[in-house]
Protein backbone atom coordinates (compact mmCIF):
# COMPACT_ATOMS: atom_id res chain seq x y z
CA MET A 1 91.68 61.80 71.21
CA LEU A 2 89.75 62.52 74.41
CA LYS A 3 92.86 64.00 75.98
CA PHE A 4 93.38 66.28 72.97
CA SER A 5 89.74 67.40 73.01
CA THR A 6 89.91 68.23 76.72
CA LEU A 7 93.05 70.26 76.16
CA LEU A 8 91.46 72.06 73.21
CA LEU A 9 88.34 72.84 75.26
CA ALA A 10 90.46 74.21 78.10
CA THR A 11 92.34 76.41 75.64
CA ILE A 12 89.08 77.76 74.20
CA ILE A 13 87.71 78.48 77.68
CA THR A 14 90.91 80.30 78.64
CA TYR A 15 90.77 82.34 75.45
CA LEU A 16 87.15 83.29 76.00
CA ALA A 17 87.80 84.21 79.64
CA SER A 18 90.70 86.47 78.66
CA ASP A 19 88.36 88.31 76.32
CA GLN A 20 86.04 89.28 79.19
CA PRO A 21 86.33 92.55 81.15
CA GLN A 22 88.48 92.21 84.26
CA SER A 23 88.59 94.47 87.31
CA GLN A 24 91.94 95.70 88.59
CA LYS A 25 92.23 97.76 91.78
CA LYS A 26 94.84 99.60 93.82
CA VAL A 27 94.52 101.25 97.24
CA LEU A 28 97.09 103.75 98.50
CA LEU A 29 97.60 107.01 100.37
CA LEU A 30 97.55 110.15 98.24
CA MET A 31 96.87 113.79 99.17
CA GLY A 32 96.69 112.70 102.81
CA SER A 33 93.70 110.43 102.12
CA ARG A 34 92.90 106.85 101.19
CA PHE A 35 92.58 106.59 97.41
CA GLU A 36 91.06 103.56 95.71
CA LEU A 37 91.39 103.28 91.94
CA THR A 38 89.57 100.64 89.87
CA ALA A 39 89.99 100.02 86.15
CA ILE A 40 88.04 97.50 84.09
CA HIS A 41 89.33 96.20 80.76
CA GLU A 42 89.81 92.95 78.87
CA ASN A 43 93.56 93.57 79.04
CA ALA A 44 94.70 93.41 82.68
CA ASN A 45 98.05 94.97 81.81
CA LEU A 46 96.35 97.97 80.22
CA ALA A 47 94.00 98.32 83.20
CA ASN A 48 96.95 98.34 85.61
CA ALA A 49 98.84 100.78 83.40
CA GLY A 50 95.82 103.07 83.49
CA ILE A 51 95.76 102.98 87.28
CA GLU A 52 99.48 103.79 87.48
CA ALA A 53 99.05 106.68 85.03
CA ALA A 54 96.19 108.06 87.13
CA ILE A 55 98.32 107.81 90.29
CA LYS A 56 101.12 109.71 88.58
CA GLU A 57 98.66 112.43 87.54
CA ILE A 58 97.16 112.75 91.03
CA THR A 59 100.65 112.99 92.53
CA ARG A 60 101.46 115.79 90.08
CA ILE A 61 98.28 117.65 91.05
CA GLU A 62 99.10 117.32 94.74
CA LYS A 63 102.47 118.99 94.18
CA LEU A 64 100.78 121.81 92.27
CA ILE A 65 98.02 122.65 94.75
CA SER A 66 99.60 121.71 98.08
CA SER A 67 99.80 124.56 100.57
CA TRP A 68 102.12 122.44 102.74
CA ASP A 69 104.81 122.02 100.10
CA PRO A 70 106.96 125.19 100.29
CA ASN A 71 107.99 124.69 96.66
CA SER A 72 104.46 124.60 95.23
CA GLN A 73 102.94 127.45 93.28
CA THR A 74 100.14 127.63 95.84
CA SER A 75 102.66 128.22 98.64
CA MET A 76 104.33 130.93 96.58
CA VAL A 77 100.97 132.68 96.10
CA ASN A 78 100.40 132.54 99.87
CA ARG A 79 103.89 133.86 100.70
CA MET A 80 103.39 136.82 98.38
CA ALA A 81 100.01 137.78 99.87
CA GLY A 82 99.78 141.56 100.12
CA VAL A 83 103.12 141.92 98.34
CA GLU A 84 102.86 141.04 94.66
CA ALA A 85 101.08 138.92 92.08
CA VAL A 86 102.47 135.48 91.27
CA LYS A 87 102.47 133.95 87.80
CA VAL A 88 101.10 130.39 87.90
CA ASP A 89 100.37 127.57 85.48
CA LYS A 90 97.12 127.94 83.57
CA GLU A 91 95.85 124.77 85.24
CA LEU A 92 96.14 126.29 88.71
CA PHE A 93 94.82 129.63 87.48
CA ASP A 94 91.74 127.96 86.03
CA LEU A 95 91.13 125.95 89.21
CA ILE A 96 91.21 129.15 91.28
CA LYS A 97 88.93 130.84 88.77
CA ARG A 98 86.39 128.01 89.03
CA ALA A 99 86.64 128.11 92.83
CA LYS A 100 85.81 131.82 92.82
CA LYS A 101 82.81 131.11 90.61
CA ILE A 102 81.50 128.60 93.15
CA SER A 103 82.12 131.17 95.91
CA GLY A 104 79.83 133.56 94.07
CA LEU A 105 77.24 130.83 93.55
CA THR A 106 77.20 130.00 97.28
CA ASN A 107 77.45 133.60 98.53
CA GLY A 108 80.81 132.88 100.08
CA ALA A 109 79.92 129.66 101.87
CA PHE A 110 82.64 128.10 99.74
CA ASP A 111 85.84 130.13 99.88
CA ILE A 112 89.36 128.85 99.24
CA SER A 113 90.78 131.77 101.24
CA TYR A 114 89.49 130.01 104.38
CA ALA A 115 93.07 128.72 104.77
CA SER A 116 94.00 131.79 106.84
CA MET A 117 92.28 130.00 109.75
CA ASP A 118 94.73 127.10 109.69
CA LYS A 119 96.71 128.46 112.64
CA ILE A 120 93.82 128.63 115.09
CA TRP A 121 91.86 125.50 114.17
CA LYS A 122 93.87 122.27 114.06
CA PHE A 123 92.34 118.81 114.04
CA ASP A 124 95.48 116.81 114.75
CA GLY A 125 94.98 116.47 118.50
CA THR A 126 97.10 119.50 119.46
CA ILE A 127 94.18 121.77 120.40
CA THR A 128 92.95 121.44 123.99
CA LYS A 129 90.94 124.67 124.25
CA LEU A 130 88.93 126.85 121.92
CA PRO A 131 90.63 129.85 120.30
CA ASN A 132 89.55 133.15 121.79
CA GLU A 133 87.16 135.48 120.02
CA GLU A 134 89.88 137.95 119.04
CA GLU A 135 91.89 135.21 117.30
CA VAL A 136 88.83 134.02 115.40
CA LYS A 137 87.92 137.55 114.30
CA ALA A 138 91.48 138.20 113.13
CA SER A 139 91.54 135.04 111.02
CA VAL A 140 88.11 135.68 109.49
CA SER A 141 89.17 139.19 108.50
CA LYS A 142 91.58 137.60 105.99
CA ILE A 143 88.84 135.55 104.30
CA ASN A 144 87.29 137.05 101.19
CA TYR A 145 87.28 135.35 97.82
CA GLN A 146 86.79 138.74 96.17
CA ASP A 147 90.26 139.70 97.40
CA ILE A 148 91.78 136.94 95.24
CA ILE A 149 92.76 139.04 92.23
CA LEU A 150 93.18 137.16 88.95
CA ASN A 151 94.83 138.53 85.83
CA GLU A 152 93.65 136.45 82.89
CA GLU A 153 96.16 137.91 80.43
CA LYS A 154 99.23 137.47 82.62
CA LEU A 155 97.99 134.32 84.44
CA THR A 156 98.81 135.86 87.81
CA VAL A 157 97.20 135.44 91.22
CA PHE A 158 97.38 138.14 93.85
CA LEU A 159 96.05 137.85 97.39
CA LYS A 160 95.16 141.42 98.20
CA ASN A 161 95.86 141.41 101.92
CA GLU A 162 98.89 140.30 103.89
CA GLY A 163 98.17 137.12 105.84
CA MET A 164 95.67 135.79 103.30
CA LYS A 165 96.01 132.17 102.28
CA ILE A 166 94.32 129.89 99.80
CA GLY A 167 93.86 126.15 100.20
CA PHE A 168 92.18 123.45 98.16
CA GLY A 169 91.04 121.08 100.90
CA ALA A 170 87.40 121.42 99.83
CA ILE A 171 87.91 121.03 96.09
CA GLY A 172 91.32 119.47 95.42
CA LYS A 173 90.43 115.79 95.81
CA GLY A 174 87.41 116.24 93.56
CA TYR A 175 89.61 117.81 90.91
CA ALA A 176 92.13 114.98 91.27
CA ALA A 177 89.35 112.40 90.89
CA ASN A 178 88.20 114.09 87.67
CA ARG A 179 91.74 114.08 86.30
CA GLY A 180 92.33 110.46 87.27
CA ARG A 181 89.23 109.44 85.34
CA LYS A 182 90.26 111.47 82.28
CA ILE A 183 93.73 109.92 82.22
CA MET A 184 92.27 106.41 82.30
CA LEU A 185 89.64 107.23 79.68
CA ASP A 186 92.32 108.63 77.39
CA LEU A 187 94.17 105.30 77.69
CA GLY A 188 91.07 103.37 76.65
CA ILE A 189 89.78 102.36 80.08
CA LYS A 190 86.05 102.64 79.42
CA SER A 191 84.91 101.64 82.94
CA GLY A 192 86.27 102.39 86.38
CA ILE A 193 86.15 104.27 89.66
CA VAL A 194 88.40 106.82 91.29
CA ASN A 195 87.58 107.11 94.99
CA ALA A 196 89.56 109.99 96.49
CA GLY A 197 88.90 109.53 100.19
CA GLY A 198 85.13 109.71 99.74
CA ASP A 199 85.15 111.93 96.67
CA LEU A 200 84.43 109.37 93.99
CA ILE A 201 83.62 109.36 90.32
CA THR A 202 82.47 106.41 88.24
CA TRP A 203 82.20 105.72 84.52
CA GLY A 204 81.07 102.79 82.42
CA LYS A 205 79.84 99.64 84.16
CA GLU A 206 81.07 96.89 86.46
CA ALA A 207 82.94 93.94 84.97
CA ASN A 208 79.70 91.90 85.05
CA GLY A 209 77.88 94.57 83.03
CA ASN A 210 75.84 95.95 85.94
CA ASP A 211 75.62 99.61 86.81
CA TRP A 212 77.81 100.76 89.68
CA SER A 213 75.99 100.65 93.02
CA ILE A 214 77.18 103.14 95.61
CA ALA A 215 76.14 102.81 99.25
CA ILE A 216 76.10 105.77 101.64
CA ALA A 217 77.20 104.93 105.17
CA ASP A 218 75.07 105.93 108.14
CA PRO A 219 76.95 108.76 109.94
CA LYS A 220 75.96 107.43 113.37
CA ASN A 221 77.17 103.91 112.55
CA LYS A 222 79.53 103.65 109.60
CA THR A 223 79.14 99.86 109.42
CA HIS A 224 75.52 100.37 108.36
CA VAL A 225 74.10 101.50 105.04
CA LEU A 226 71.88 104.56 105.12
CA ALA A 227 70.88 104.35 101.45
CA TRP A 228 72.28 103.32 98.09
CA LEU A 229 71.93 104.29 94.47
CA THR A 230 72.94 103.01 91.08
CA VAL A 231 75.07 105.29 88.94
CA GLY A 232 76.76 105.32 85.56
CA GLU A 233 78.87 108.38 84.75
CA MET A 234 78.50 110.17 88.03
CA ALA A 235 80.34 111.67 91.00
CA VAL A 236 79.22 110.96 94.56
CA VAL A 237 80.85 112.96 97.36
CA THR A 238 80.12 112.72 101.08
CA SER A 239 81.31 115.18 103.70
CA GLY A 240 80.71 114.46 107.37
CA ASN A 241 81.38 116.00 110.77
CA TYR A 242 82.61 112.58 111.92
CA GLU A 243 85.60 112.66 109.55
CA LYS A 244 87.82 115.09 111.46
CA PHE A 245 86.86 116.77 114.70
CA ILE A 246 88.01 117.76 118.17
CA ASP A 247 86.25 117.23 121.51
CA ILE A 248 86.56 120.05 124.02
CA ASN A 249 84.64 120.00 127.31
CA GLY A 250 82.37 117.27 125.97
CA GLN A 251 81.46 119.25 122.85
CA ARG A 252 82.35 118.05 119.36
CA TYR A 253 83.70 120.62 116.89
CA SER A 254 83.79 119.64 113.21
CA HIS A 255 86.65 120.41 110.80
CA ILE A 256 84.15 122.20 108.54
CA ILE A 257 84.46 125.89 109.38
CA ASP A 258 82.02 128.66 108.49
CA PRO A 259 84.17 131.25 106.66
CA VAL A 260 81.88 134.04 107.88
CA SER A 261 81.77 133.26 111.61
CA GLY A 262 85.11 131.45 111.82
CA TYR A 263 83.61 128.68 113.94
CA PRO A 264 82.84 125.01 113.15
CA VAL A 265 79.36 124.54 111.73
CA LYS A 266 76.54 122.74 113.49
CA GLY A 267 73.21 121.29 112.40
CA LEU A 268 74.27 118.56 109.97
CA LYS A 269 76.11 115.28 110.37
CA SER A 270 76.68 114.51 106.71
CA VAL A 271 76.06 115.83 103.22
CA THR A 272 76.20 113.71 100.08
CA ILE A 273 76.23 115.40 96.67
CA ILE A 274 75.53 113.52 93.43
CA CYS A 275 76.36 115.15 90.09
CA PRO A 276 78.45 114.46 86.97
CA ASP A 277 81.53 116.38 88.17
CA ALA A 278 83.60 115.39 91.23
CA GLU A 279 85.19 118.82 91.61
CA LEU A 280 81.81 120.55 91.76
CA ALA A 281 80.39 117.86 94.04
CA ASP A 282 83.34 118.29 96.41
CA ALA A 283 82.84 122.05 96.64
CA LEU A 284 79.05 121.79 96.98
CA ALA A 285 79.28 119.21 99.77
CA THR A 286 81.23 121.69 101.89
CA SER A 287 79.04 124.62 100.85
CA THR A 288 75.81 122.80 101.69
CA PHE A 289 77.22 121.79 105.07
CA ILE A 290 77.95 125.43 105.87
CA LEU A 291 74.66 126.79 104.48
CA GLY A 292 72.63 124.31 106.53
CA LYS A 293 69.64 122.18 105.61
CA GLU A 294 67.16 124.78 104.35
CA LYS A 295 69.52 127.10 102.48
CA GLY A 296 71.65 124.18 101.30
CA LEU A 297 68.75 122.28 99.76
CA GLY A 298 67.39 125.54 98.37
CA LEU A 299 70.66 125.98 96.48
CA ILE A 300 70.89 122.37 95.29
CA ASN A 301 67.31 122.38 94.01
CA GLN A 302 68.20 125.30 91.73
CA LEU A 303 71.11 123.46 90.11
CA LYS A 304 70.36 121.25 87.13
CA GLY A 305 71.77 117.75 87.40
CA VAL A 306 72.79 118.10 91.05
CA GLU A 307 71.18 116.14 93.90
CA ALA A 308 71.84 115.89 97.63
CA LEU A 309 71.16 113.78 100.71
CA LEU A 310 71.49 115.43 104.12
CA VAL A 311 71.50 113.94 107.62
CA ASP A 312 70.97 116.46 110.42
CA ASP A 313 72.15 116.30 114.03
CA ASN A 314 68.91 114.55 115.00
CA ASP A 315 69.45 111.84 112.35
CA ASN A 316 66.65 113.14 110.14
CA ILE A 317 67.19 112.55 106.42
CA SER A 318 66.40 115.20 103.81
CA THR A 319 66.93 114.99 100.07
CA SER A 320 66.79 117.27 97.07
CA SER A 321 63.68 117.24 94.91
CA ASN A 322 64.66 114.70 92.26
CA LEU A 323 66.94 112.29 94.11
CA LYS A 324 65.94 108.64 93.78
CA LEU A 325 67.52 106.39 96.40
CA ASN A 326 67.11 102.82 97.59
CA TYR A 327 66.60 102.35 101.31
CA TYR A 328 66.97 99.39 103.64
CA GLU A 329 66.32 99.60 107.35
CA ASN A 330 68.75 98.19 109.91
CA ASN A 331 71.09 96.58 107.40
CA THR A 332 74.80 96.26 107.87
CA LEU A 333 77.06 96.57 104.88
CA GLN A 334 77.22 92.78 104.61
CA GLU A 335 73.50 92.16 104.68
CA THR A 336 70.92 92.12 101.88
CA ILE A 337 72.91 94.23 99.44
CA ASN A 338 76.42 94.01 98.12
CA PRO A 339 77.28 97.50 96.89
CA THR A 340 80.26 98.07 94.65
CA LEU A 341 81.53 100.72 97.04
CA THR A 342 80.47 102.48 100.23
CA ILE A 343 81.33 106.11 100.86
CA GLY A 344 81.29 107.84 104.21
CA ASN A 345 83.26 105.09 105.94
CA GLU A 346 86.73 105.84 104.58
CA LYS A 347 89.66 105.72 106.94
CA ASN A 348 92.17 108.42 106.06
């Protein structure tokens, strides 16, 4: 009788445990970056299926927006620059349309036609000297979001000038994170995270019922936490000059280029944007970096539901008006707090 009761109790415990939310996670390389996808559900098989569906969606998006894939619609648009308009899928058309809207909002600090500079600025170790002034001027002359001509009726994109190029490096991962979340939500995954190389979006709660806690790494020591915040349905995106850069004659040059001057920006080490949309956060992180501390915060403070944390070259921290953060001094990631996730320390 005792043996039967023990077996029955074990069965009940197993049943109850299987009815509790479980966290499933997968880490892999997508879009040239480290992606981490987390799904929480009582059914582990459904959670894993949601992750796989999100991966499939992100892979599809990469093929659509890649400027490196010669068969993508984006590459076709670039090849036909100055020649003719190219009909594209409505999804790509709408993404370009939203990008142009952000360009207007930021007075051109964000501009997907920055890609015309890809031949003179490379951050793969092949550059040993700075491009000359004539090269920089020539590349900047091709940058102008207003010369991206959209035909809403025909769904065509025309780059007005020969040599123009568009690229989605400053918005594509945010868009992919949004889509990954939507795919999982549509499958019934009510809680999870898509972290697209530092462009992350959360929804629901952790498996234990707590809100997600996101730590922001210190740009001068990525094993330390600068600050952390609790979030529910929110995107948190960090852009830093320590992510990709080149050193020439003892000077560091960031991969974030000012589309007006054509040179890497200075003044800030990192920008973190918090808002409900990962695509917008992605674009605003780059824009704020280029605008600088004063103009960048001035813009963010005008946008409802958008907050920012900035670290300048002197390690001074500035935040937008309504941002509420938690701070600890001199804590490593393993000490005092145990955040769900830390952004700003991704290894691509």
